[in-house]
Protein backbone atom coordinates (compact mmCIF):
# COMPACT_ATOMS: atom_id res chain seq x y z
CA MET A 1 -73.01 -19.37 -57.09
CA SER A 2 -71.07 -17.18 -58.68
CA ASP A 3 -70.91 -15.63 -54.97
CA ARG A 4 -69.14 -19.23 -53.83
CA VAL A 5 -67.03 -18.49 -56.06
CA ALA A 6 -65.89 -15.74 -55.26
CA HIS A 7 -65.70 -16.34 -51.02
CA ALA A 8 -63.67 -19.38 -52.49
CA VAL A 9 -60.53 -17.35 -53.69
CA ALA A 10 -61.63 -14.33 -51.09
CA GLY A 11 -60.53 -17.52 -47.79
CA ASN A 12 -57.03 -18.16 -49.88
CA THR A 13 -55.27 -15.49 -50.11
CA LEU A 14 -51.49 -15.22 -48.67
CA PRO A 15 -52.66 -13.35 -45.39
CA ASP A 16 -55.60 -16.38 -44.71
CA ILE A 17 -52.92 -19.28 -45.25
CA LEU A 18 -50.18 -17.76 -43.80
CA GLU A 19 -52.83 -16.70 -40.56
CA ARG A 20 -54.37 -21.18 -40.71
CA VAL A 21 -50.37 -21.78 -41.15
CA LEU A 22 -49.14 -19.86 -37.88
CA ASP A 23 -52.58 -21.42 -36.25
CA LYS A 24 -52.28 -24.48 -36.45
CA GLY A 25 -48.67 -25.68 -37.28
CA ILE A 26 -47.29 -26.84 -39.91
CA VAL A 27 -44.40 -29.49 -40.13
CA ILE A 28 -41.62 -30.36 -42.62
CA ALA A 29 -39.82 -33.69 -42.89
CA GLY A 30 -37.63 -34.69 -44.94
CA ASP A 31 -34.71 -37.46 -44.66
CA ILE A 32 -31.66 -37.67 -47.00
CA SER A 33 -29.31 -40.45 -47.41
CA ILE A 34 -26.20 -40.35 -49.80
CA SER A 35 -24.00 -44.01 -49.93
CA LEU A 36 -22.00 -45.57 -51.75
CA LEU A 37 -21.59 -49.52 -52.66
CA ASN A 38 -24.18 -49.99 -49.39
CA ILE A 39 -22.17 -49.06 -46.81
CA GLU A 40 -23.80 -45.04 -46.05
CA LEU A 41 -21.08 -42.39 -46.06
CA LEU A 42 -24.05 -39.64 -45.23
CA SER A 43 -27.58 -39.13 -43.54
CA ILE A 44 -29.57 -35.89 -43.11
CA LYS A 45 -32.12 -35.73 -40.95
CA LEU A 46 -34.12 -32.16 -41.58
CA ARG A 47 -37.04 -31.47 -39.00
CA LEU A 48 -39.17 -27.58 -40.20
CA LEU A 49 -42.01 -26.34 -37.98
CA ILE A 50 -43.76 -23.37 -39.10
CA ALA A 51 -45.88 -21.62 -36.56
CA SER A 52 -46.75 -19.12 -34.12
CA VAL A 53 -44.99 -18.50 -30.70
CA GLU A 54 -48.61 -19.10 -28.88
CA LYS A 55 -48.97 -22.53 -30.68
CA ALA A 56 -44.58 -23.25 -30.14
CA GLN A 57 -45.30 -22.53 -26.59
CA GLN A 58 -47.68 -25.21 -26.40
CA MET A 59 -46.01 -27.57 -27.73
CA GLY A 60 -43.79 -27.55 -24.91
CA ILE A 61 -41.02 -25.38 -28.21
CA ASP A 62 -39.42 -22.34 -26.08
CA TRP A 63 -35.81 -22.30 -27.12
CA TRP A 64 -35.58 -18.80 -28.35
CA GLN A 65 -35.67 -17.72 -24.85
CA SER A 66 -33.03 -19.34 -23.95
CA ASP A 67 -30.76 -18.98 -26.22
CA PRO A 68 -28.18 -15.87 -25.23
CA SER A 69 -28.02 -14.26 -28.71
CA LEU A 70 -31.57 -14.50 -29.13
CA SER A 71 -32.83 -13.14 -25.12
CA SER A 72 -31.30 -10.99 -23.07
CA ARG A 73 -32.34 -12.92 -19.63
CA ALA A 74 -30.40 -16.41 -20.80
CA ARG A 75 -27.01 -13.99 -21.62
CA ARG A 76 -28.16 -12.21 -18.01
CA LEU A 77 -27.61 -15.87 -17.01
CA GLU A 78 -25.59 -17.49 -18.65
CA GLN A 79 -23.33 -13.83 -17.29
CA GLU A 80 -24.34 -14.11 -13.73
CA GLN A 81 -23.57 -18.23 -14.01
CA GLY A 82 -19.69 -17.43 -15.74
CA ASP A 83 -19.06 -15.01 -12.53
CA LEU A 84 -20.54 -17.72 -10.04
CA ALA A 85 -18.51 -20.44 -11.83
CA ALA A 86 -15.35 -17.95 -11.15
CA ARG A 87 -16.40 -17.08 -8.04
CA LEU A 88 -15.84 -20.84 -7.03
CA GLU A 89 -12.78 -21.83 -8.29
CA ARG A 90 -11.30 -18.53 -6.22
CA LEU A 91 -13.12 -20.46 -3.18
CA GLU A 92 -11.85 -23.66 -4.39
CA ALA A 93 -8.50 -22.70 -5.05
CA ARG A 94 -8.14 -20.50 -1.53
CA ILE A 95 -9.16 -23.57 0.49
CA ALA A 96 -6.66 -26.29 -1.29
CA GLY A 97 -3.78 -23.13 -0.85
């Protein structure tokens, strides 16, 4: 019986729990609503997902890949897009003028 107790305690260490959470993912959701005289003044919806990068990508979540503040590729694409927009504007000005 002491072997089972030791195994149960050893299997629930913080790294084990963290590995399971990141592997499976966990969603925490909550809504906050503030009303006065049955008039809703403020409504906040909170959604938190904790998962590994691989699990998030399996779920179709990859916003960090297109965020210029987090991805050098996204920064490059944003710069290229700005350059192309400026070039198009100059070409349109030439044609119109």
